[in-house]
């Protein structure tokens, strides 16, 4: 039972999901404003 409620595992999964959401938001911003991509030199 202890393994299922391991807070560290849940925390890591949440961090990963948050990073993916941030990246998707950033990609949408760059697509909406192409000049941002040029400034960041992606």
N, C-alpha and C. Protein backbone atom coordinates (compact mmCIF):
# COMPACT_ATOMS: atom_id res chain seq x y z
N UNK A 1 0.83 -1.20 0.00
CA UNK A 1 0.00 0.00 0.00
C UNK A 1 0.87 1.26 0.00
N UNK A 2 2.00 1.17 0.67
CA UNK A 2 2.88 2.34 0.78
C UNK A 2 3.35 2.81 -0.60
N UNK A 3 3.65 1.87 -1.48
CA UNK A 3 4.17 2.24 -2.81
C UNK A 3 3.15 3.05 -3.61
N UNK A 4 1.88 2.69 -3.49
CA UNK A 4 0.85 3.36 -4.28
C UNK A 4 0.71 4.84 -3.90
N UNK A 5 0.95 5.15 -2.62
CA UNK A 5 0.76 6.53 -2.17
C UNK A 5 2.10 7.22 -1.94
N UNK A 6 3.12 6.82 -2.70
CA UNK A 6 4.44 7.43 -2.57
C UNK A 6 4.36 8.88 -3.05
N UNK A 7 4.50 9.85 -2.15
CA UNK A 7 4.36 11.26 -2.54
C UNK A 7 5.41 11.71 -3.54
N UNK A 8 6.61 11.13 -3.45
CA UNK A 8 7.67 11.55 -4.37
C UNK A 8 7.31 11.20 -5.81
N UNK A 9 6.76 10.00 -6.03
CA UNK A 9 6.38 9.59 -7.39
C UNK A 9 5.29 10.51 -7.93
N UNK A 10 4.30 10.79 -7.10
CA UNK A 10 3.21 11.68 -7.53
C UNK A 10 3.77 13.06 -7.85
N UNK A 11 4.69 13.51 -7.04
CA UNK A 11 5.29 14.84 -7.25
C UNK A 11 6.03 14.89 -8.58
N UNK A 12 6.79 13.84 -8.87
CA UNK A 12 7.55 13.82 -10.12
C UNK A 12 6.60 13.82 -11.32
N UNK A 13 5.53 13.06 -11.24
CA UNK A 13 4.57 13.02 -12.35
C UNK A 13 3.94 14.40 -12.54
N UNK A 14 3.60 15.06 -11.45
CA UNK A 14 2.98 16.38 -11.54
C UNK A 14 3.96 17.38 -12.15
N UNK A 15 5.22 17.31 -11.74
CA UNK A 15 6.22 18.22 -12.29
C UNK A 15 6.35 18.01 -13.79
N UNK A 16 6.35 16.75 -14.22
CA UNK A 16 6.47 16.45 -15.65
C UNK A 16 5.29 17.01 -16.42
N UNK A 17 4.09 16.82 -15.88
CA UNK A 17 2.88 17.33 -16.54
C UNK A 17 2.94 18.86 -16.60
N UNK A 18 3.42 19.48 -15.53
CA UNK A 18 3.49 20.94 -15.50
C UNK A 18 4.49 21.44 -16.53
N UNK A 19 5.63 20.75 -16.65
CA UNK A 19 6.63 21.16 -17.64
C UNK A 19 6.05 21.02 -19.05
N UNK A 20 5.32 19.95 -19.31
CA UNK A 20 4.73 19.76 -20.64
C UNK A 20 3.72 20.87 -20.92
N UNK A 21 2.93 21.24 -19.93
CA UNK A 21 1.94 22.30 -20.11
C UNK A 21 2.65 23.63 -20.39
N UNK A 22 3.73 23.88 -19.66
CA UNK A 22 4.49 25.12 -19.88
C UNK A 22 5.08 25.15 -21.29
N UNK A 23 5.62 24.02 -21.73
CA UNK A 23 6.21 23.96 -23.07
C UNK A 23 5.14 24.19 -24.13
N UNK A 24 3.98 23.57 -23.96
CA UNK A 24 2.90 23.74 -24.94
C UNK A 24 2.47 25.20 -24.99
N UNK A 25 2.41 25.85 -23.82
CA UNK A 25 2.02 27.26 -23.77
C UNK A 25 3.07 28.10 -24.48
N UNK A 26 4.35 27.77 -24.25
CA UNK A 26 5.44 28.51 -24.88
C UNK A 26 5.40 28.34 -26.39
N UNK A 27 5.17 27.12 -26.84
CA UNK A 27 5.09 26.86 -28.29
C UNK A 27 3.95 27.67 -28.91
N UNK A 28 2.80 27.71 -28.23
CA UNK A 28 1.66 28.47 -28.76
C UNK A 28 2.00 29.95 -28.83
N UNK A 29 2.71 30.46 -27.82
CA UNK A 29 3.11 31.87 -27.81
C UNK A 29 4.03 32.16 -29.00
N UNK A 30 4.99 31.26 -29.23
CA UNK A 30 5.94 31.46 -30.33
C UNK A 30 5.22 31.38 -31.67
N UNK A 31 4.27 30.45 -31.79
CA UNK A 31 3.52 30.34 -33.04
C UNK A 31 2.68 31.60 -33.27
N UNK A 32 2.14 32.16 -32.19
CA UNK A 32 1.31 33.36 -32.30
C UNK A 32 2.17 34.59 -32.58
N UNK A 33 3.42 34.57 -32.09
CA UNK A 33 4.32 35.72 -32.26
C UNK A 33 5.67 35.23 -32.79
N UNK A 34 5.79 35.02 -34.09
CA UNK A 34 7.02 34.46 -34.67
C UNK A 34 8.27 35.24 -34.29
N UNK A 35 8.14 36.53 -34.04
CA UNK A 35 9.33 37.32 -33.70
C UNK A 35 9.95 36.85 -32.38
N UNK A 36 9.14 36.29 -31.49
CA UNK A 36 9.68 35.77 -30.23
C UNK A 36 10.66 34.63 -30.52
N UNK A 37 10.28 33.75 -31.44
CA UNK A 37 11.16 32.64 -31.80
C UNK A 37 12.48 33.13 -32.35
N UNK A 38 12.44 34.20 -33.14
CA UNK A 38 13.69 34.74 -33.70
C UNK A 38 14.55 35.34 -32.59
N UNK A 39 13.91 36.01 -31.63
CA UNK A 39 14.67 36.59 -30.53
C UNK A 39 15.33 35.51 -29.69
N UNK A 40 14.61 34.40 -29.46
CA UNK A 40 15.14 33.31 -28.66
C UNK A 40 16.07 32.41 -29.47
N UNK A 41 16.08 32.59 -30.78
CA UNK A 41 16.93 31.80 -31.68
C UNK A 41 16.69 30.30 -31.51
N UNK A 42 15.42 29.91 -31.56
CA UNK A 42 15.09 28.47 -31.43
C UNK A 42 15.29 27.81 -32.78
